[in-house]
Full PDB file with SEQRES, HELIX, SHEET, SSBOND, CRYST1, ORIGX, SCALE, CONECT and MASTER records, all heavy atoms in Angstrom:
SEQRES   1 A   33  GLU GLN SER ARG GLY ILE ILE VAL ALA THR SER GLY ARG          
SEQRES   2 A   33  LEU TYR LYS SER TYR GLN SER GLN SER GLY LYS HIS LYS          
SEQRES   3 A   33  GLY LYS ASP LYS ASN ARG SER                                  
SHEET    1 AA1 2 ILE A   6  VAL A   8  0                                        
SHEET    2 AA1 2 LEU A  14  LYS A  16 -1                                        
CRYST1    1.000    1.000    1.000  90.00  90.00  90.00 P 1           1          
ORIGX1      1.000000  0.000000  0.000000        0.00000                         
ORIGX2      0.000000  1.000000  0.000000        0.00000                         
ORIGX3      0.000000  0.000000  1.000000        0.00000                         
SCALE1      1.000000  0.000000  0.000000        0.00000                         
SCALE2      0.000000  1.000000  0.000000        0.00000                         
SCALE3      0.000000  0.000000  1.000000        0.00000                         
ATOM      1  N   GLU A   1      -8.849 136.986 176.528  1.00  0.00           N  
ATOM      2  CA  GLU A   1      -7.545 136.571 176.978  1.00  0.00           C  
ATOM      3  C   GLU A   1      -7.617 135.659 178.225  1.00  0.00           C  
ATOM      4  O   GLU A   1      -6.735 134.966 178.557  1.00  0.00           O  
ATOM      5  CB  GLU A   1      -6.522 137.716 177.247  1.00  0.00           C  
ATOM      6  CG  GLU A   1      -6.880 138.579 178.435  1.00  0.00           C  
ATOM      7  CD  GLU A   1      -8.040 139.536 178.338  1.00  0.00           C  
ATOM      8  OE1 GLU A   1      -8.559 139.728 177.177  1.00  0.00           O  
ATOM      9  OE2 GLU A   1      -8.468 140.105 179.241  1.00  0.00           O  
ATOM     10  N   GLN A   2      -8.840 135.694 178.957  1.00  0.00           N  
ATOM     11  CA  GLN A   2      -9.058 134.905 180.183  1.00  0.00           C  
ATOM     12  C   GLN A   2      -9.720 133.645 179.835  1.00  0.00           C  
ATOM     13  O   GLN A   2     -10.117 132.836 180.796  1.00  0.00           O  
ATOM     14  CB  GLN A   2      -9.860 135.761 181.100  1.00  0.00           C  
ATOM     15  CG  GLN A   2      -9.255 137.016 181.705  1.00  0.00           C  
ATOM     16  CD  GLN A   2      -8.205 136.753 182.710  1.00  0.00           C  
ATOM     17  OE1 GLN A   2      -8.042 135.609 183.196  1.00  0.00           O  
ATOM     18  NE2 GLN A   2      -7.443 137.726 183.055  1.00  0.00           N  
ATOM     19  N   SER A   3     -10.049 133.292 178.612  1.00  0.00           N  
ATOM     20  CA  SER A   3     -10.764 132.015 178.219  1.00  0.00           C  
ATOM     21  C   SER A   3     -10.016 130.813 178.666  1.00  0.00           C  
ATOM     22  O   SER A   3      -8.804 130.786 178.633  1.00  0.00           O  
ATOM     23  CB  SER A   3     -11.018 132.012 176.678  1.00  0.00           C  
ATOM     24  OG  SER A   3     -11.714 133.131 176.269  1.00  0.00           O  
ATOM     25  N   ARG A   4     -10.770 129.819 179.080  1.00  0.00           N  
ATOM     26  CA  ARG A   4     -10.217 128.605 179.527  1.00  0.00           C  
ATOM     27  C   ARG A   4     -11.009 127.401 178.994  1.00  0.00           C  
ATOM     28  O   ARG A   4     -12.127 127.616 178.522  1.00  0.00           O  
ATOM     29  CB  ARG A   4     -10.124 128.447 181.080  1.00  0.00           C  
ATOM     30  CG  ARG A   4      -9.261 129.517 181.635  1.00  0.00           C  
ATOM     31  CD  ARG A   4      -8.746 129.218 183.012  1.00  0.00           C  
ATOM     32  NE  ARG A   4      -8.171 127.892 183.169  1.00  0.00           N  
ATOM     33  CZ  ARG A   4      -8.253 127.210 184.257  1.00  0.00           C  
ATOM     34  NH1 ARG A   4      -8.870 127.743 185.349  1.00  0.00           N  
ATOM     35  NH2 ARG A   4      -7.715 126.068 184.369  1.00  0.00           N  
ATOM     36  N   GLY A   5     -10.444 126.152 179.035  1.00  0.00           N  
ATOM     37  CA  GLY A   5     -11.169 125.083 178.480  1.00  0.00           C  
ATOM     38  C   GLY A   5     -10.867 123.758 179.311  1.00  0.00           C  
ATOM     39  O   GLY A   5     -10.030 123.646 180.110  1.00  0.00           O  
ATOM     40  N   ILE A   6     -11.745 122.743 178.936  1.00  0.00           N  
ATOM     41  CA  ILE A   6     -11.682 121.406 179.426  1.00  0.00           C  
ATOM     42  C   ILE A   6     -11.714 120.568 178.125  1.00  0.00           C  
ATOM     43  O   ILE A   6     -12.699 120.543 177.400  1.00  0.00           O  
ATOM     44  CB  ILE A   6     -12.732 121.029 180.368  1.00  0.00           C  
ATOM     45  CG1 ILE A   6     -12.677 121.876 181.572  1.00  0.00           C  
ATOM     46  CG2 ILE A   6     -12.611 119.573 180.788  1.00  0.00           C  
ATOM     47  CD1 ILE A   6     -13.863 121.733 182.561  1.00  0.00           C  
ATOM     48  N   ILE A   7     -10.724 119.645 177.997  1.00  0.00           N  
ATOM     49  CA  ILE A   7     -10.745 118.789 176.869  1.00  0.00           C  
ATOM     50  C   ILE A   7     -11.249 117.435 177.388  1.00  0.00           C  
ATOM     51  O   ILE A   7     -10.735 116.834 178.308  1.00  0.00           O  
ATOM     52  CB  ILE A   7      -9.201 118.569 176.335  1.00  0.00           C  
ATOM     53  CG1 ILE A   7      -8.685 119.972 175.778  1.00  0.00           C  
ATOM     54  CG2 ILE A   7      -9.162 117.503 175.223  1.00  0.00           C  
ATOM     55  CD1 ILE A   7      -7.955 120.759 176.832  1.00  0.00           C  
ATOM     56  N   VAL A   8     -12.216 116.866 176.619  1.00  0.00           N  
ATOM     57  CA  VAL A   8     -12.823 115.611 176.821  1.00  0.00           C  
ATOM     58  C   VAL A   8     -12.228 114.621 175.833  1.00  0.00           C  
ATOM     59  O   VAL A   8     -12.601 114.731 174.658  1.00  0.00           O  
ATOM     60  CB  VAL A   8     -14.359 115.656 176.808  1.00  0.00           C  
ATOM     61  CG1 VAL A   8     -14.904 114.244 177.255  1.00  0.00           C  
ATOM     62  CG2 VAL A   8     -14.876 116.726 177.806  1.00  0.00           C  
ATOM     63  N   ALA A   9     -11.508 113.621 176.238  1.00  0.00           N  
ATOM     64  CA  ALA A   9     -11.015 112.635 175.366  1.00  0.00           C  
ATOM     65  C   ALA A   9     -11.912 111.510 175.102  1.00  0.00           C  
ATOM     66  O   ALA A   9     -12.874 111.272 175.944  1.00  0.00           O  
ATOM     67  CB  ALA A   9      -9.662 112.103 175.905  1.00  0.00           C  
ATOM     68  N   THR A  10     -11.694 110.755 174.015  1.00  0.00           N  
ATOM     69  CA  THR A  10     -12.623 109.508 173.771  1.00  0.00           C  
ATOM     70  C   THR A  10     -12.541 108.531 174.887  1.00  0.00           C  
ATOM     71  O   THR A  10     -13.515 107.871 175.153  1.00  0.00           O  
ATOM     72  CB  THR A  10     -12.140 108.918 172.448  1.00  0.00           C  
ATOM     73  OG1 THR A  10     -12.149 109.890 171.454  1.00  0.00           O  
ATOM     74  CG2 THR A  10     -13.035 107.901 171.993  1.00  0.00           C  
ATOM     75  N   SER A  11     -11.443 108.560 175.561  1.00  0.00           N  
ATOM     76  CA  SER A  11     -11.370 107.569 176.735  1.00  0.00           C  
ATOM     77  C   SER A  11     -12.120 108.006 177.945  1.00  0.00           C  
ATOM     78  O   SER A  11     -12.262 107.314 178.899  1.00  0.00           O  
ATOM     79  CB  SER A  11      -9.785 107.572 177.159  1.00  0.00           C  
ATOM     80  OG  SER A  11      -9.431 108.794 177.672  1.00  0.00           O  
ATOM     81  N   GLY A  12     -12.756 109.272 177.875  1.00  0.00           N  
ATOM     82  CA  GLY A  12     -13.487 109.828 178.959  1.00  0.00           C  
ATOM     83  C   GLY A  12     -12.683 110.632 179.917  1.00  0.00           C  
ATOM     84  O   GLY A  12     -13.212 111.253 180.796  1.00  0.00           O  
ATOM     85  N   ARG A  13     -11.427 110.669 179.723  1.00  0.00           N  
ATOM     86  CA  ARG A  13     -10.524 111.423 180.668  1.00  0.00           C  
ATOM     87  C   ARG A  13     -10.741 112.899 180.275  1.00  0.00           C  
ATOM     88  O   ARG A  13     -10.917 113.241 179.216  1.00  0.00           O  
ATOM     89  CB  ARG A  13      -9.116 111.016 180.551  1.00  0.00           C  
ATOM     90  CG  ARG A  13      -8.843 109.635 180.956  1.00  0.00           C  
ATOM     91  CD  ARG A  13      -7.433 109.246 180.906  1.00  0.00           C  
ATOM     92  NE  ARG A  13      -7.207 108.723 182.270  1.00  0.00           N  
ATOM     93  CZ  ARG A  13      -6.027 108.627 182.827  1.00  0.00           C  
ATOM     94  NH1 ARG A  13      -4.913 109.072 182.180  1.00  0.00           N  
ATOM     95  NH2 ARG A  13      -5.870 108.100 183.993  1.00  0.00           N  
ATOM     96  N   LEU A  14     -10.398 113.741 181.329  1.00  0.00           N  
ATOM     97  CA  LEU A  14     -10.525 115.121 181.162  1.00  0.00           C  
ATOM     98  C   LEU A  14      -9.270 115.865 181.437  1.00  0.00           C  
ATOM     99  O   LEU A  14      -8.421 115.368 182.239  1.00  0.00           O  
ATOM    100  CB  LEU A  14     -11.608 115.706 182.249  1.00  0.00           C  
ATOM    101  CG  LEU A  14     -12.942 114.961 182.287  1.00  0.00           C  
ATOM    102  CD1 LEU A  14     -13.729 115.566 183.511  1.00  0.00           C  
ATOM    103  CD2 LEU A  14     -13.654 115.387 180.976  1.00  0.00           C  
ATOM    104  N   TYR A  15      -9.011 116.836 180.645  1.00  0.00           N  
ATOM    105  CA  TYR A  15      -7.731 117.669 180.703  1.00  0.00           C  
ATOM    106  C   TYR A  15      -8.096 119.107 180.746  1.00  0.00           C  
ATOM    107  O   TYR A  15      -8.839 119.540 179.787  1.00  0.00           O  
ATOM    108  CB  TYR A  15      -6.870 117.381 179.556  1.00  0.00           C  
ATOM    109  CG  TYR A  15      -6.472 115.781 179.409  1.00  0.00           C  
ATOM    110  CD1 TYR A  15      -7.242 114.989 178.683  1.00  0.00           C  
ATOM    111  CD2 TYR A  15      -5.470 115.283 180.078  1.00  0.00           C  
ATOM    112  CE1 TYR A  15      -6.988 113.649 178.518  1.00  0.00           C  
ATOM    113  CE2 TYR A  15      -5.110 113.903 179.948  1.00  0.00           C  
ATOM    114  CZ  TYR A  15      -5.912 113.182 179.224  1.00  0.00           C  
ATOM    115  OH  TYR A  15      -5.582 111.814 179.085  1.00  0.00           O  
ATOM    116  N   LYS A  16      -7.593 119.863 181.671  1.00  0.00           N  
ATOM    117  CA  LYS A  16      -7.796 121.255 181.654  1.00  0.00           C  
ATOM    118  C   LYS A  16      -6.803 122.004 180.711  1.00  0.00           C  
ATOM    119  O   LYS A  16      -5.728 121.439 180.494  1.00  0.00           O  
ATOM    120  CB  LYS A  16      -7.618 121.902 183.079  1.00  0.00           C  
ATOM    121  CG  LYS A  16      -8.782 121.482 184.019  1.00  0.00           C  
ATOM    122  CD  LYS A  16      -8.550 122.198 185.389  1.00  0.00           C  
ATOM    123  CE  LYS A  16      -9.696 121.799 186.347  1.00  0.00           C  
ATOM    124  NZ  LYS A  16      -9.495 122.399 187.594  1.00  0.00           N  
ATOM    125  N   SER A  17      -7.138 123.059 180.068  1.00  0.00           N  
ATOM    126  CA  SER A  17      -6.275 123.745 179.240  1.00  0.00           C  
ATOM    127  C   SER A  17      -5.111 124.288 180.094  1.00  0.00           C  
ATOM    128  O   SER A  17      -5.190 124.339 181.311  1.00  0.00           O  
ATOM    129  CB  SER A  17      -7.052 124.937 178.555  1.00  0.00           C  
ATOM    130  OG  SER A  17      -7.580 125.829 179.506  1.00  0.00           O  
ATOM    131  N   TYR A  18      -3.979 124.578 179.458  1.00  0.00           N  
ATOM    132  CA  TYR A  18      -2.883 125.171 180.104  1.00  0.00           C  
ATOM    133  C   TYR A  18      -2.465 126.435 179.571  1.00  0.00           C  
ATOM    134  O   TYR A  18      -2.701 126.855 178.429  1.00  0.00           O  
ATOM    135  CB  TYR A  18      -1.739 124.142 180.020  1.00  0.00           C  
ATOM    136  CG  TYR A  18      -1.114 124.025 178.619  1.00  0.00           C  
ATOM    137  CD1 TYR A  18      -0.060 124.727 178.184  1.00  0.00           C  
ATOM    138  CD2 TYR A  18      -1.756 123.106 177.706  1.00  0.00           C  
ATOM    139  CE1 TYR A  18       0.472 124.671 176.904  1.00  0.00           C  
ATOM    140  CE2 TYR A  18      -1.160 122.981 176.374  1.00  0.00           C  
ATOM    141  CZ  TYR A  18      -0.166 123.778 176.028  1.00  0.00           C  
ATOM    142  OH  TYR A  18       0.319 123.685 174.769  1.00  0.00           O  
ATOM    143  N   GLN A  19      -1.741 127.268 180.420  1.00  0.00           N  
ATOM    144  CA  GLN A  19      -1.387 128.555 179.971  1.00  0.00           C  
ATOM    145  C   GLN A  19       0.003 128.642 179.266  1.00  0.00           C  
ATOM    146  O   GLN A  19       0.885 128.001 179.768  1.00  0.00           O  
ATOM    147  CB  GLN A  19      -1.362 129.510 181.228  1.00  0.00           C  
ATOM    148  CG  GLN A  19      -1.397 130.963 181.005  1.00  0.00           C  
ATOM    149  CD  GLN A  19      -1.497 131.749 182.177  1.00  0.00           C  
ATOM    150  OE1 GLN A  19      -0.612 131.772 183.023  1.00  0.00           O  
ATOM    151  NE2 GLN A  19      -2.724 132.328 182.468  1.00  0.00           N  
ATOM    152  N   SER A  20      -0.081 129.276 178.153  1.00  0.00           N  
ATOM    153  CA  SER A  20       1.190 129.421 177.398  1.00  0.00           C  
ATOM    154  C   SER A  20       2.142 130.215 178.112  1.00  0.00           C  
ATOM    155  O   SER A  20       1.875 131.342 178.642  1.00  0.00           O  
ATOM    156  CB  SER A  20       0.850 130.087 175.971  1.00  0.00           C  
ATOM    157  OG  SER A  20       2.085 130.257 175.250  1.00  0.00           O  
ATOM    158  N   GLN A  21       3.406 129.752 178.084  1.00  0.00           N  
ATOM    159  CA  GLN A  21       4.459 130.490 178.858  1.00  0.00           C  
ATOM    160  C   GLN A  21       5.424 131.340 178.000  1.00  0.00           C  
ATOM    161  O   GLN A  21       6.264 132.115 178.546  1.00  0.00           O  
ATOM    162  CB  GLN A  21       5.373 129.441 179.649  1.00  0.00           C  
ATOM    163  CG  GLN A  21       4.491 128.665 180.674  1.00  0.00           C  
ATOM    164  CD  GLN A  21       3.940 129.468 181.684  1.00  0.00           C  
ATOM    165  OE1 GLN A  21       4.477 130.391 182.281  1.00  0.00           O  
ATOM    166  NE2 GLN A  21       2.601 129.124 182.080  1.00  0.00           N  
ATOM    167  N   SER A  22       5.244 131.210 176.694  1.00  0.00           N  
ATOM    168  CA  SER A  22       6.063 132.012 175.834  1.00  0.00           C  
ATOM    169  C   SER A  22       5.404 132.303 174.559  1.00  0.00           C  
ATOM    170  O   SER A  22       4.328 131.820 174.187  1.00  0.00           O  
ATOM    171  CB  SER A  22       7.464 131.315 175.574  1.00  0.00           C  
ATOM    172  OG  SER A  22       7.112 130.062 174.923  1.00  0.00           O  
ATOM    173  N   GLY A  23       6.100 133.114 173.703  1.00  0.00           N  
ATOM    174  CA  GLY A  23       5.565 133.433 172.383  1.00  0.00           C  
ATOM    175  C   GLY A  23       4.645 134.545 172.348  1.00  0.00           C  
ATOM    176  O   GLY A  23       4.325 135.161 173.377  1.00  0.00           O  
ATOM    177  N   LYS A  24       3.959 134.676 171.135  1.00  0.00           N  
ATOM    178  CA  LYS A  24       3.007 135.805 171.042  1.00  0.00           C  
ATOM    179  C   LYS A  24       1.750 135.521 171.809  1.00  0.00           C  
ATOM    180  O   LYS A  24       0.924 136.405 172.037  1.00  0.00           O  
ATOM    181  CB  LYS A  24       2.695 136.128 169.635  1.00  0.00           C  
ATOM    182  CG  LYS A  24       2.006 135.043 168.867  1.00  0.00           C  
ATOM    183  CD  LYS A  24       1.797 135.431 167.445  1.00  0.00           C  
ATOM    184  CE  LYS A  24       0.912 134.353 166.779  1.00  0.00           C  
ATOM    185  NZ  LYS A  24       0.557 134.778 165.357  1.00  0.00           N  
ATOM    186  N   HIS A  25       1.405 134.327 172.181  1.00  0.00           N  
ATOM    187  CA  HIS A  25       0.250 134.010 172.970  1.00  0.00           C  
ATOM    188  C   HIS A  25       0.520 133.776 174.363  1.00  0.00           C  
ATOM    189  O   HIS A  25      -0.274 133.040 175.133  1.00  0.00           O  
ATOM    190  CB  HIS A  25      -0.468 132.736 172.364  1.00  0.00           C  
ATOM    191  CG  HIS A  25      -0.859 132.850 170.910  1.00  0.00           C  
ATOM    192  ND1 HIS A  25      -1.794 133.767 170.538  1.00  0.00           N  
ATOM    193  CD2 HIS A  25      -0.412 132.292 169.791  1.00  0.00           C  
ATOM    194  CE1 HIS A  25      -2.002 133.733 169.265  1.00  0.00           C  
ATOM    195  NE2 HIS A  25      -1.164 132.792 168.730  1.00  0.00           N  
ATOM    196  N   LYS A  26       1.635 134.302 174.960  1.00  0.00           N  
ATOM    197  CA  LYS A  26       1.935 134.089 176.323  1.00  0.00           C  
ATOM    198  C   LYS A  26       0.808 134.603 177.184  1.00  0.00           C  
ATOM    199  O   LYS A  26       0.187 135.608 177.081  1.00  0.00           O  
ATOM    200  CB  LYS A  26       3.180 134.955 176.655  1.00  0.00           C  
ATOM    201  CG  LYS A  26       3.655 134.756 178.062  1.00  0.00           C  
ATOM    202  CD  LYS A  26       4.926 135.536 178.317  1.00  0.00           C  
ATOM    203  CE  LYS A  26       5.373 135.282 179.785  1.00  0.00           C  
ATOM    204  NZ  LYS A  26       6.603 135.932 180.094  1.00  0.00           N  
ATOM    205  N   GLY A  27       0.552 133.688 178.236  1.00  0.00           N  
ATOM    206  CA  GLY A  27      -0.572 134.031 179.197  1.00  0.00           C  
ATOM    207  C   GLY A  27      -1.953 133.479 178.724  1.00  0.00           C  
ATOM    208  O   GLY A  27      -2.851 133.527 179.545  1.00  0.00           O  
ATOM    209  N   LYS A  28      -2.144 133.075 177.510  1.00  0.00           N  
ATOM    210  CA  LYS A  28      -3.439 132.602 177.082  1.00  0.00           C  
ATOM    211  C   LYS A  28      -3.447 131.121 177.202  1.00  0.00           C  
ATOM    212  O   LYS A  28      -2.443 130.407 177.016  1.00  0.00           O  
ATOM    213  CB  LYS A  28      -3.685 133.082 175.585  1.00  0.00           C  
ATOM    214  CG  LYS A  28      -3.805 134.519 175.404  1.00  0.00           C  
ATOM    215  CD  LYS A  28      -4.111 134.923 174.079  1.00  0.00           C  
ATOM    216  CE  LYS A  28      -4.267 136.402 173.881  1.00  0.00           C  
ATOM    217  NZ  LYS A  28      -4.529 136.767 172.495  1.00  0.00           N  
ATOM    218  N   ASP A  29      -4.656 130.573 177.468  1.00  0.00           N  
ATOM    219  CA  ASP A  29      -4.752 129.153 177.535  1.00  0.00           C  
ATOM    220  C   ASP A  29      -4.816 128.384 176.192  1.00  0.00           C  
ATOM    221  O   ASP A  29      -5.417 128.955 175.294  1.00  0.00           O  
ATOM    222  CB  ASP A  29      -6.078 128.714 178.319  1.00  0.00           C  
ATOM    223  CG  ASP A  29      -5.770 128.665 179.832  1.00  0.00           C  
ATOM    224  OD1 ASP A  29      -4.876 129.428 180.300  1.00  0.00           O  
ATOM    225  OD2 ASP A  29      -6.438 127.862 180.457  1.00  0.00           O  
ATOM    226  N   LYS A  30      -4.237 127.169 176.232  1.00  0.00           N  
ATOM    227  CA  LYS A  30      -4.151 126.338 175.020  1.00  0.00           C  
ATOM    228  C   LYS A  30      -4.746 125.017 175.305  1.00  0.00           C  
ATOM    229  O   LYS A  30      -4.627 124.594 176.437  1.00  0.00           O  
ATOM    230  CB  LYS A  30      -2.721 126.246 174.572  1.00  0.00           C  
ATOM    231  CG  LYS A  30      -2.071 127.505 174.020  1.00  0.00           C  
ATOM    232  CD  LYS A  30      -0.687 127.131 173.523  1.00  0.00           C  
ATOM    233  CE  LYS A  30      -0.051 128.453 172.946  1.00  0.00           C  
ATOM    234  NZ  LYS A  30       1.270 128.118 172.376  1.00  0.00           N  
ATOM    235  N   ASN A  31      -5.257 124.284 174.236  1.00  0.00           N  
ATOM    236  CA  ASN A  31      -5.696 122.897 174.455  1.00  0.00           C  
ATOM    237  C   ASN A  31      -4.460 122.029 174.273  1.00  0.00           C  
ATOM    238  O   ASN A  31      -3.331 122.485 174.003  1.00  0.00           O  
ATOM    239  CB  ASN A  31      -6.824 122.536 173.450  1.00  0.00           C  
ATOM    240  CG  ASN A  31      -6.491 122.552 172.073  1.00  0.00           C  
ATOM    241  OD1 ASN A  31      -5.244 122.556 171.626  1.00  0.00           O  
ATOM    242  ND2 ASN A  31      -7.456 122.520 171.200  1.00  0.00           N  
ATOM    243  N   ARG A  32      -4.620 120.690 174.300  1.00  0.00           N  
ATOM    244  CA  ARG A  32      -3.491 119.785 174.198  1.00  0.00           C  
ATOM    245  C   ARG A  32      -2.825 119.805 172.817  1.00  0.00           C  
ATOM    246  O   ARG A  32      -1.652 119.443 172.727  1.00  0.00           O  
ATOM    247  CB  ARG A  32      -4.070 118.288 174.500  1.00  0.00           C  
ATOM    248  CG  ARG A  32      -4.485 118.223 175.975  1.00  0.00           C  
ATOM    249  CD  ARG A  32      -5.134 116.899 176.195  1.00  0.00           C  
ATOM    250  NE  ARG A  32      -4.097 115.862 176.188  1.00  0.00           N  
ATOM    251  CZ  ARG A  32      -4.394 114.518 176.008  1.00  0.00           C  
ATOM    252  NH1 ARG A  32      -5.693 114.156 175.842  1.00  0.00           N  
ATOM    253  NH2 ARG A  32      -3.462 113.685 175.958  1.00  0.00           N  
ATOM    254  N   SER A  33      -3.541 120.249 171.813  1.00  0.00           N  
ATOM    255  CA  SER A  33      -2.912 120.433 170.422  1.00  0.00           C  
ATOM    256  C   SER A  33      -2.161 121.722 170.336  1.00  0.00           C  
ATOM    257  O   SER A  33      -1.593 122.003 169.216  1.00  0.00           O  
ATOM    258  CB  SER A  33      -4.020 120.250 169.375  1.00  0.00           C  
ATOM    259  OG  SER A  33      -4.669 119.083 169.546  1.00  0.00           O  
TER     260      SER A  33                                                      
MASTER        0    0    0    0    2    0    0    6  259    1    0    3          
END                                                                             
């Protein structure tokens, strides 16, 4: 439940995963999709 990520886009830009604020996965990190 503490897993985190970094998304690397084709453009070279980096995005950190974000924490879900609602639903059954509340508190878990998600990617941009």
